[in-house]
């Protein structure tokens, strides 16, 4: 851990105490947490057990309610957020992802770094949008030849920055592993999580608010042709590499049990390690969302030696997540996603954004030229959609640039990621499930 200012040590010591105690309050074992010189035994098992015995879970929650304002006053929201980001790996190691997730769930809405005022105001004051994402999967988030982070998920972050700050470059991307996704968004240290995150009911209730499904995916398997199989149902007694702490890992176990395949999972914390293990022959197959299999496979030296098996074993609706506790921010991000979708439906691209009346009522409302879809209530500019679409383009442009012909070349025509059947555009893929609440 890097050095933290001495004036923050008192607040940090107190914070570490109730971080540890909350793991116990949520049903976890009283495991030690990282300590400082100012509180060498603050998070010890004996101290935690004694506090729990004397105070009980409700007392511990009350203590946290009293202490958080003091911590926030001393360090400020950004200070707490920075400290949480710094401490996260140690906390994850000491407490485990499940205890971390349960602990964060018990905290007040918005997490540890709860904003003073609305998150929208905080983002504007800060002058940048903080997104948790990745840089290891082509198409979603990876580094280009110039070292820029590009991808479908990154463009969704840039779209929100364009709407709120008028600048698609006013973003900070924090790279996290799959197992860090829940604790990161629960802590409130980021404004948005957009890292190929599957929407599930438990994550919706425990992690944060899922905004909008922006890509429909499903889990599949990749194998080397030399294995000599053509179906996932032939993976009897196979070793399959998978990323830990994901729905992918859970789905693999379900698939194996349901089909009596006796599959052994070989788990790794990050995707790069999964791919490396597969390519080195440590496992017979590796499993992930089908789009990610295609993206990762595109970088193989001998891509033609590998095949993606035909079975899809799960539903994986992917989209951005925002912290619980701020309905306005949830609505802002949800509306930005709708602008991208309706931009394509109405034929508005990055190259033809109008600034004066077009004569098309729906287009004029979208662009803020006439009428409204709630911009004032949301706290964004009347012409925010113009900024969004000029900066990143519409949904179809983002898809084509990253996942389509300009990226990893996933077909969209006649698929689930086409616009809905009755979309008004004439030259867009239709008949799919990409749809958003009407902009009215």
Protein backbone atom coordinates (compact mmCIF):
# COMPACT_ATOMS: atom_id res chain seq x y z
CA UNK A 1 0.00 0.00 0.00
CA UNK A 2 1.31 3.43 -0.85
CA UNK A 3 1.61 6.15 1.78
CA UNK A 4 -1.53 7.92 2.98
CA UNK A 5 -1.36 11.38 4.49
CA UNK A 6 -0.92 11.33 8.27
CA UNK A 7 -4.04 13.46 8.80
CA UNK A 8 -6.05 10.66 7.17
CA UNK A 9 -4.74 7.86 9.39
CA UNK A 10 -7.29 8.41 12.15
CA UNK A 11 -10.16 8.29 9.73
CA UNK A 12 -8.65 5.28 7.96
CA UNK A 13 -8.21 3.39 11.22
CA UNK A 14 -11.83 3.88 12.11
CA UNK A 15 -12.87 2.94 8.62
CA UNK A 16 -10.88 -0.27 8.78
CA UNK A 17 -12.57 -1.21 12.06
CA UNK A 18 -16.08 -1.11 10.71
CA UNK A 19 -15.06 -2.54 7.35
CA UNK A 20 -13.86 -5.61 9.22
CA UNK A 21 -16.80 -5.68 11.61
CA UNK A 22 -19.27 -5.42 8.79
CA UNK A 23 -17.89 -8.60 7.27
CA UNK A 24 -18.87 -10.32 10.52
CA UNK A 25 -22.23 -8.52 10.69
CA UNK A 26 -23.03 -9.83 7.24
CA UNK A 27 -22.36 -13.41 8.22
CA UNK A 28 -18.67 -13.78 7.33
CA UNK A 29 -15.84 -15.10 9.47
CA UNK A 30 -13.94 -12.52 11.56
CA UNK A 31 -10.88 -12.38 9.30
CA UNK A 32 -8.14 -9.77 9.74
CA UNK A 33 -8.00 -6.73 7.49
CA UNK A 34 -5.03 -4.54 6.50
CA UNK A 35 -3.87 -2.43 9.44
CA UNK A 36 -1.95 0.78 9.92
CA UNK A 37 0.57 1.83 12.53
CA UNK A 38 -2.17 3.91 14.12
CA UNK A 39 -4.39 0.88 14.67
CA UNK A 40 -2.31 -2.33 14.61
CA UNK A 41 -5.06 -4.50 16.09
CA UNK A 42 -8.12 -2.56 14.97
CA UNK A 43 -9.32 -5.23 12.62
CA UNK A 44 -8.21 -8.25 14.67
CA UNK A 45 -10.57 -11.16 15.18
CA UNK A 46 -10.79 -10.66 18.97
CA UNK A 47 -11.67 -6.98 18.65
CA UNK A 48 -14.31 -7.68 16.03
CA UNK A 49 -15.88 -10.53 17.96
CA UNK A 50 -16.03 -8.43 21.12
CA UNK A 51 -17.64 -5.51 19.31
CA UNK A 52 -20.19 -7.76 17.64
CA UNK A 53 -21.04 -9.45 20.93
CA UNK A 54 -21.50 -6.13 22.74
CA UNK A 55 -23.14 -4.09 19.97
CA UNK A 56 -24.85 -6.55 17.68
CA UNK A 57 -25.35 -5.95 13.94
CA UNK A 58 -27.76 -3.04 14.47
CA UNK A 59 -25.31 -1.35 16.80
CA UNK A 60 -22.53 -1.76 14.30
CA UNK A 61 -24.69 -0.21 11.58
CA UNK A 62 -25.47 2.71 13.89
CA UNK A 63 -21.76 3.15 14.58
CA UNK A 64 -21.04 3.29 10.88
CA UNK A 65 -23.77 5.89 10.42
CA UNK A 66 -22.09 8.07 13.04
CA UNK A 67 -18.55 7.58 11.76
CA UNK A 68 -19.08 8.04 8.03
CA UNK A 69 -19.81 11.79 8.24
CA UNK A 70 -16.56 12.25 10.21
CA UNK A 71 -14.57 10.27 7.66
CA UNK A 72 -16.19 12.17 4.79
CA UNK A 73 -15.53 15.52 6.48
CA UNK A 74 -11.85 14.74 6.98
CA UNK A 75 -11.15 13.22 3.59
CA UNK A 76 -13.93 14.34 1.28
CA UNK A 77 -15.71 12.11 -1.28
CA UNK A 78 -12.75 11.97 -3.64
CA UNK A 79 -10.36 11.17 -0.79
CA UNK A 80 -12.52 8.29 0.42
CA UNK A 81 -12.96 7.05 -3.15
CA UNK A 82 -9.19 7.15 -3.76
CA UNK A 83 -8.52 5.34 -0.50
CA UNK A 84 -11.08 2.67 -1.33
CA UNK A 85 -9.54 2.15 -4.75
CA UNK A 86 -6.11 1.80 -3.13
CA UNK A 87 -7.32 -0.57 -0.44
CA UNK A 88 -9.54 -2.76 -2.63
CA UNK A 89 -6.98 -5.48 -3.48
CA UNK A 90 -5.94 -5.89 0.18
CA UNK A 91 -9.55 -5.88 1.35
CA UNK A 92 -10.51 -8.44 -1.30
CA UNK A 93 -7.65 -10.70 -0.22
CA UNK A 94 -8.42 -10.38 3.48
CA UNK A 95 -12.20 -10.66 3.34
CA UNK A 96 -12.97 -12.45 0.09
CA UNK A 97 -15.37 -11.26 -2.63
CA UNK A 98 -18.51 -12.65 -0.98
CA UNK A 99 -17.94 -10.88 2.34
CA UNK A 100 -17.01 -7.71 0.49
CA UNK A 101 -20.18 -7.85 -1.57
CA UNK A 102 -22.39 -8.47 1.46
CA UNK A 103 -20.65 -5.73 3.43
CA UNK A 104 -21.16 -3.17 0.69
CA UNK A 105 -24.79 -4.19 0.38
CA UNK A 106 -25.35 -3.30 4.04
CA UNK A 107 -23.90 0.17 3.64
CA UNK A 108 -25.95 3.28 3.06
CA UNK A 109 -27.10 3.91 -0.54
CA UNK A 110 -24.29 5.09 -2.75
CA UNK A 111 -21.64 3.11 -0.87
CA UNK A 112 -18.59 4.32 1.01
CA UNK A 113 -17.92 7.20 -1.31
CA UNK A 114 -21.45 8.50 -1.04
CA UNK A 115 -21.65 11.81 -2.80
CA UNK A 116 -22.32 15.07 -1.01
CA UNK A 117 -25.30 16.16 -3.09
CA UNK A 118 -26.18 14.38 -6.31
CA UNK A 119 -23.71 12.29 -8.28
CA UNK A 120 -24.47 14.43 -11.33
CA UNK A 121 -23.33 17.54 -9.44
CA UNK A 122 -20.23 15.73 -8.21
CA UNK A 123 -19.27 14.60 -11.72
CA UNK A 124 -19.73 18.13 -13.05
CA UNK A 125 -17.68 19.61 -10.21
CA UNK A 126 -14.96 16.98 -10.65
CA UNK A 127 -14.85 17.62 -14.39
CA UNK A 128 -14.57 13.98 -15.38
CA UNK A 129 -16.58 10.76 -15.38
CA UNK A 130 -15.05 7.75 -13.62
CA UNK A 131 -15.85 4.41 -15.24
CA UNK A 132 -14.73 0.93 -14.19
CA UNK A 133 -13.88 -1.11 -17.27
CA UNK A 134 -11.11 -3.09 -18.96
CA UNK A 135 -8.38 -2.98 -21.58
CA UNK A 136 -7.89 -6.68 -22.34
CA UNK A 137 -10.69 -7.69 -24.74
CA UNK A 138 -10.80 -6.39 -28.33
CA UNK A 139 -14.17 -4.96 -29.29
CA UNK A 140 -15.18 -4.12 -25.71
CA UNK A 141 -12.12 -2.47 -24.17
CA UNK A 142 -8.55 -2.72 -25.45
CA UNK A 143 -5.58 -0.52 -26.33
CA UNK A 144 -5.11 0.61 -29.92
CA UNK A 145 -1.76 1.21 -31.65
CA UNK A 146 -1.54 4.66 -30.06
CA UNK A 147 -2.24 3.39 -26.56
CA UNK A 148 -5.82 4.70 -26.46
CA UNK A 149 -8.45 2.61 -24.75
CA UNK A 150 -11.13 1.86 -27.32
CA UNK A 151 -14.15 -0.40 -27.49
CA UNK A 152 -17.91 -0.73 -27.21
CA UNK A 153 -17.94 -0.35 -23.42
CA UNK A 154 -15.52 2.57 -23.56
CA UNK A 155 -17.76 4.37 -26.07
CA UNK A 156 -20.74 4.02 -23.71
CA UNK A 157 -18.67 5.76 -21.05
CA UNK A 158 -17.68 8.47 -23.53
CA UNK A 159 -21.34 8.98 -24.47
CA UNK A 160 -22.28 9.73 -20.86
CA UNK A 161 -19.33 12.14 -20.51
CA UNK A 162 -20.51 13.92 -23.65
CA UNK A 163 -24.01 14.33 -22.22
CA UNK A 164 -22.94 15.50 -18.77
CA UNK A 165 -19.69 17.36 -19.45
CA UNK A 166 -19.86 18.08 -23.17
CA UNK A 167 -16.53 16.30 -23.66
CA UNK A 168 -16.15 12.62 -24.61
CA UNK A 169 -12.53 12.68 -23.44
CA UNK A 170 -13.43 13.78 -19.90
CA UNK A 171 -13.29 10.22 -18.57
CA UNK A 172 -11.09 8.22 -16.23
CA UNK A 173 -11.06 4.47 -16.83
CA UNK A 174 -10.23 2.34 -13.80
CA UNK A 175 -9.19 -1.16 -14.80
CA UNK A 176 -10.64 -3.89 -12.61
CA UNK A 177 -10.84 -7.68 -12.69
CA UNK A 178 -14.10 -9.59 -13.00
CA UNK A 179 -14.18 -10.38 -9.26
CA UNK A 180 -13.75 -6.69 -8.39
CA UNK A 181 -16.82 -5.54 -10.33
CA UNK A 182 -19.36 -5.94 -7.52
CA UNK A 183 -17.30 -4.36 -4.70
CA UNK A 184 -16.18 -1.53 -6.99
CA UNK A 185 -19.67 -0.36 -7.95
CA UNK A 186 -21.01 -1.00 -4.43
CA UNK A 187 -18.32 1.17 -2.90
CA UNK A 188 -19.46 4.16 -4.95
CA UNK A 189 -15.87 4.91 -5.97
CA UNK A 190 -16.86 4.94 -9.66
CA UNK A 191 -19.77 6.63 -11.41
CA UNK A 192 -20.43 3.79 -13.80
CA UNK A 193 -19.44 0.15 -14.27
CA UNK A 194 -19.29 -0.89 -17.90
CA UNK A 195 -17.22 -4.04 -18.23
CA UNK A 196 -19.19 -6.76 -20.03
CA UNK A 197 -21.43 -7.09 -16.97
CA UNK A 198 -24.30 -9.57 -17.16
CA UNK A 199 -27.60 -8.36 -15.72
CA UNK A 200 -28.98 -10.76 -13.09
CA UNK A 201 -31.59 -10.29 -10.37
CA UNK A 202 -29.11 -10.77 -7.51
CA UNK A 203 -26.61 -8.31 -9.02
CA UNK A 204 -29.40 -5.80 -9.60
CA UNK A 205 -30.33 -5.96 -5.91
CA UNK A 206 -26.82 -6.23 -4.46
CA UNK A 207 -24.41 -4.46 -6.82
CA UNK A 208 -26.18 -1.47 -8.33
CA UNK A 209 -28.81 -0.41 -10.85
CA UNK A 210 -28.56 -2.01 -14.28
CA UNK A 211 -29.32 0.74 -16.75
CA UNK A 212 -30.14 -0.82 -20.12
CA UNK A 213 -29.23 -3.96 -22.03
CA UNK A 214 -26.91 -2.76 -24.78
CA UNK A 215 -25.76 -6.15 -26.04
CA UNK A 216 -27.43 -9.56 -25.90
CA UNK A 217 -24.92 -12.37 -25.58
CA UNK A 218 -24.77 -16.01 -24.53
CA UNK A 219 -22.08 -18.31 -23.18
CA UNK A 220 -20.22 -20.74 -25.41
CA UNK A 221 -17.06 -22.83 -25.65
CA UNK A 222 -13.89 -22.65 -27.73
CA UNK A 223 -11.78 -25.74 -28.41
CA UNK A 224 -8.82 -26.68 -30.55
CA UNK A 225 -9.88 -28.60 -33.64
CA UNK A 226 -7.32 -31.25 -32.69
CA UNK A 227 -9.58 -32.22 -29.77
CA UNK A 228 -11.85 -33.78 -32.36
CA UNK A 229 -15.24 -32.72 -31.00
CA UNK A 230 -18.06 -30.72 -32.58
CA UNK A 231 -20.45 -30.24 -29.65
CA UNK A 232 -20.17 -29.04 -26.06
CA UNK A 233 -22.07 -32.18 -25.08
CA UNK A 234 -18.90 -34.10 -25.91
CA UNK A 235 -16.87 -32.36 -23.17
CA UNK A 236 -16.99 -35.43 -20.91
CA UNK A 237 -14.39 -35.24 -18.11
CA UNK A 238 -12.88 -32.18 -19.78
CA UNK A 239 -10.90 -29.43 -18.06
CA UNK A 240 -12.36 -26.03 -18.96
CA UNK A 241 -10.66 -22.70 -18.27
CA UNK A 242 -12.94 -19.96 -16.94
CA UNK A 243 -12.73 -16.56 -15.24
CA UNK A 244 -13.52 -16.78 -11.53
CA UNK A 245 -16.20 -14.70 -9.83
CA UNK A 246 -18.40 -14.58 -12.95
CA UNK A 247 -21.77 -15.91 -14.06
CA UNK A 248 -19.70 -17.82 -16.63
CA UNK A 249 -18.23 -19.98 -13.87
CA UNK A 250 -21.69 -20.66 -12.40
CA UNK A 251 -23.19 -21.47 -15.80
CA UNK A 252 -20.37 -23.91 -16.53
CA UNK A 253 -21.13 -25.84 -13.35
CA UNK A 254 -24.86 -25.90 -14.14
CA UNK A 255 -24.21 -27.12 -17.69
CA UNK A 256 -21.91 -29.88 -16.46
CA UNK A 257 -24.36 -31.04 -13.78
CA UNK A 258 -27.40 -30.96 -16.05
CA UNK A 259 -25.67 -33.06 -18.71
CA UNK A 260 -23.62 -35.34 -16.41
CA UNK A 261 -20.37 -34.26 -18.06
CA UNK A 262 -18.12 -34.19 -14.99
CA UNK A 263 -16.34 -31.04 -16.25
CA UNK A 264 -13.50 -29.69 -14.09
CA UNK A 265 -13.21 -25.91 -13.97
CA UNK A 266 -9.74 -24.34 -13.97
CA UNK A 267 -10.29 -20.78 -12.75
CA UNK A 268 -8.22 -17.61 -13.10
CA UNK A 269 -8.85 -14.08 -11.87
CA UNK A 270 -8.43 -12.33 -15.21
CA UNK A 271 -9.17 -13.09 -18.83
CA UNK A 272 -5.57 -12.89 -20.02
CA UNK A 273 -4.64 -15.72 -17.67
CA UNK A 274 -7.56 -17.83 -18.91
CA UNK A 275 -6.51 -17.40 -22.54
CA UNK A 276 -2.85 -18.09 -21.73
CA UNK A 277 -3.77 -21.32 -19.92
CA UNK A 278 -5.95 -22.46 -22.81
CA UNK A 279 -3.28 -21.73 -25.41
CA UNK A 280 -0.63 -23.52 -23.37
CA UNK A 281 -2.75 -26.66 -23.19
CA UNK A 282 -3.65 -26.54 -19.50
CA UNK A 283 -7.30 -27.07 -20.38
CA UNK A 284 -9.31 -28.74 -23.14
CA UNK A 285 -11.57 -25.76 -23.72
CA UNK A 286 -12.26 -22.29 -22.48
CA UNK A 287 -15.65 -20.73 -21.94
CA UNK A 288 -16.88 -17.16 -22.07
CA UNK A 289 -19.59 -15.10 -23.74
CA UNK A 290 -19.63 -15.99 -27.41
CA UNK A 291 -18.75 -12.46 -28.48
CA UNK A 292 -15.70 -12.51 -26.21
CA UNK A 293 -14.62 -15.89 -27.55
CA UNK A 294 -14.67 -14.36 -31.03
CA UNK A 295 -12.86 -11.22 -29.84
CA UNK A 296 -10.13 -13.06 -27.94
CA UNK A 297 -9.73 -15.67 -30.64
CA UNK A 298 -9.14 -12.96 -33.24
CA UNK A 299 -5.74 -12.31 -31.64
CA UNK A 300 -4.57 -15.95 -31.82
CA UNK A 301 -1.59 -16.66 -34.10
CA UNK A 302 -3.37 -19.70 -35.53
CA UNK A 303 -7.03 -18.71 -35.26
CA UNK A 304 -8.13 -21.34 -37.80
CA UNK A 305 -6.93 -24.09 -35.46
CA UNK A 306 -9.77 -23.24 -33.05
CA UNK A 307 -13.54 -23.43 -33.28
CA UNK A 308 -16.43 -22.07 -31.23
CA UNK A 309 -18.83 -24.92 -30.53
CA UNK A 310 -22.47 -24.37 -31.59
CA UNK A 311 -24.17 -24.55 -28.19
CA UNK A 312 -25.20 -21.40 -26.32
CA UNK A 313 -25.74 -22.36 -22.68
CA UNK A 314 -26.96 -19.12 -21.08
CA UNK A 315 -28.55 -15.70 -21.46
CA UNK A 316 -26.06 -12.86 -21.00
CA UNK A 317 -27.70 -9.41 -21.29
CA UNK A 318 -24.86 -6.89 -20.96
CA UNK A 319 -25.05 -3.22 -20.05
CA UNK A 320 -23.84 -0.40 -17.79
CA UNK A 321 -24.41 -0.36 -14.02
CA UNK A 322 -24.58 2.68 -11.72
CA UNK A 323 -24.42 2.78 -7.90
CA UNK A 324 -27.61 2.41 -5.90
CA UNK A 325 -29.02 5.47 -4.17
CA UNK A 326 -29.27 8.18 -6.83
CA UNK A 327 -32.33 7.94 -9.06
CA UNK A 328 -31.42 11.05 -11.04
CA UNK A 329 -28.05 9.62 -12.06
CA UNK A 330 -29.66 6.30 -12.97
CA UNK A 331 -32.13 8.18 -15.18
CA UNK A 332 -29.39 10.28 -16.81
CA UNK A 333 -27.34 7.26 -17.87
CA UNK A 334 -30.46 5.38 -18.98
CA UNK A 335 -31.50 8.34 -21.14
CA UNK A 336 -28.05 8.54 -22.74
CA UNK A 337 -28.37 4.89 -23.79
CA UNK A 338 -31.80 5.67 -25.26
CA UNK A 339 -30.35 8.58 -27.25
CA UNK A 340 -27.83 6.22 -28.85
CA UNK A 341 -30.55 3.73 -29.79
CA UNK A 342 -33.05 6.28 -31.11
CA UNK A 343 -30.27 8.09 -32.93
CA UNK A 344 -29.90 5.01 -35.11
CA UNK A 345 -33.65 4.46 -35.35
CA UNK A 346 -34.17 8.03 -36.61
CA UNK A 347 -31.21 7.95 -38.98
CA UNK A 348 -29.14 10.54 -37.07
CA UNK A 349 -25.42 9.82 -37.36
CA UNK A 350 -22.27 11.55 -36.17
CA UNK A 351 -22.01 13.15 -39.58
CA UNK A 352 -25.51 14.60 -39.99
CA UNK A 353 -26.47 16.02 -36.56
CA UNK A 354 -28.70 19.03 -37.21
CA UNK A 355 -28.68 22.18 -35.09
CA UNK A 356 -31.88 23.65 -36.56
CA UNK A 357 -35.34 22.27 -37.26
CA UNK A 358 -35.46 19.35 -39.70
CA UNK A 359 -39.22 19.11 -40.06
CA UNK A 360 -39.20 15.63 -38.48
CA UNK A 361 -40.85 15.99 -35.07
CA UNK A 362 -39.12 12.96 -33.51
CA UNK A 363 -35.68 13.99 -34.74
CA UNK A 364 -36.18 17.57 -33.59
CA UNK A 365 -37.25 16.38 -30.13
CA UNK A 366 -34.25 14.02 -29.91
CA UNK A 367 -31.84 16.82 -30.80
CA UNK A 368 -33.45 19.30 -28.41
CA UNK A 369 -34.58 21.63 -31.16
CA UNK A 370 -38.28 21.33 -30.39
CA UNK A 371 -40.12 19.81 -27.43
CA UNK A 372 -38.52 17.89 -24.58
CA UNK A 373 -37.90 14.40 -23.22
CA UNK A 374 -37.10 15.55 -19.69
CA UNK A 375 -33.69 17.20 -20.07
CA UNK A 376 -34.39 19.89 -17.48
CA UNK A 377 -35.47 17.36 -14.85
CA UNK A 378 -32.46 15.21 -15.63
CA UNK A 379 -30.09 18.16 -15.24
CA UNK A 380 -28.55 17.90 -18.70
CA UNK A 381 -28.43 20.34 -21.61
CA UNK A 382 -31.47 20.68 -23.86
CA UNK A 383 -29.19 19.75 -26.78
CA UNK A 384 -27.26 16.97 -24.98
CA UNK A 385 -28.16 14.48 -27.71
CA UNK A 386 -26.35 16.62 -30.25
CA UNK A 387 -23.18 16.40 -28.15
CA UNK A 388 -23.57 12.64 -27.69
CA UNK A 389 -24.19 11.78 -31.32
CA UNK A 390 -21.50 14.10 -32.68
CA UNK A 391 -18.95 12.62 -30.28
CA UNK A 392 -19.57 8.85 -30.48
CA UNK A 393 -22.26 8.34 -33.12
CA UNK A 394 -25.43 6.32 -32.71
CA UNK A 395 -25.78 2.73 -31.48
CA UNK A 396 -25.18 1.29 -34.94
CA UNK A 397 -22.03 3.34 -35.46
CA UNK A 398 -20.66 2.27 -32.07
CA UNK A 399 -21.48 -1.37 -32.84
CA UNK A 400 -19.95 -1.33 -36.32
CA UNK A 401 -16.80 0.44 -35.13
CA UNK A 402 -16.09 -2.01 -32.32
CA UNK A 403 -18.07 -5.23 -32.69
CA UNK A 404 -18.98 -5.15 -36.37
CA UNK A 405 -17.00 -4.79 -39.62
CA UNK A 406 -14.66 -2.17 -38.15
CA UNK A 407 -13.89 -4.31 -35.11
CA UNK A 408 -14.21 -8.02 -34.36
CA UNK A 409 -16.81 -8.55 -37.11
CA UNK A 410 -19.75 -10.01 -35.19
CA UNK A 411 -22.78 -10.13 -37.52
CA UNK A 412 -25.78 -8.07 -36.42
CA UNK A 413 -28.26 -8.59 -39.26
CA UNK A 414 -31.20 -10.82 -38.21
CA UNK A 415 -29.70 -11.14 -34.72
CA UNK A 416 -30.81 -10.11 -31.26
CA UNK A 417 -28.63 -6.98 -31.35
CA UNK A 418 -30.50 -5.47 -34.28
CA UNK A 419 -33.05 -2.75 -33.52
CA UNK A 420 -36.62 -3.77 -32.79
CA UNK A 421 -38.81 -4.88 -35.67
CA UNK A 422 -40.77 -1.64 -36.05
CA UNK A 423 -37.82 0.76 -35.85
CA UNK A 424 -38.40 3.65 -38.23
CA UNK A 425 -35.00 3.55 -39.93
CA UNK A 426 -34.85 2.16 -43.46
CA UNK A 427 -31.21 1.04 -43.70
CA UNK A 428 -30.57 -0.44 -40.24
CA UNK A 429 -30.67 -4.06 -39.02
CA UNK A 430 -34.15 -4.74 -37.61
CA UNK A 431 -36.01 -7.62 -36.01
CA UNK A 432 -33.83 -7.74 -32.89
CA UNK A 433 -34.21 -6.78 -29.22
CA UNK A 434 -32.38 -3.46 -28.98
CA UNK A 435 -35.08 -1.06 -27.79
CA UNK A 436 -35.37 1.73 -25.23
CA UNK A 437 -38.10 3.72 -23.48
CA UNK A 438 -39.55 6.31 -25.86
CA UNK A 439 -37.97 9.77 -25.68
CA UNK A 440 -41.03 11.82 -24.68
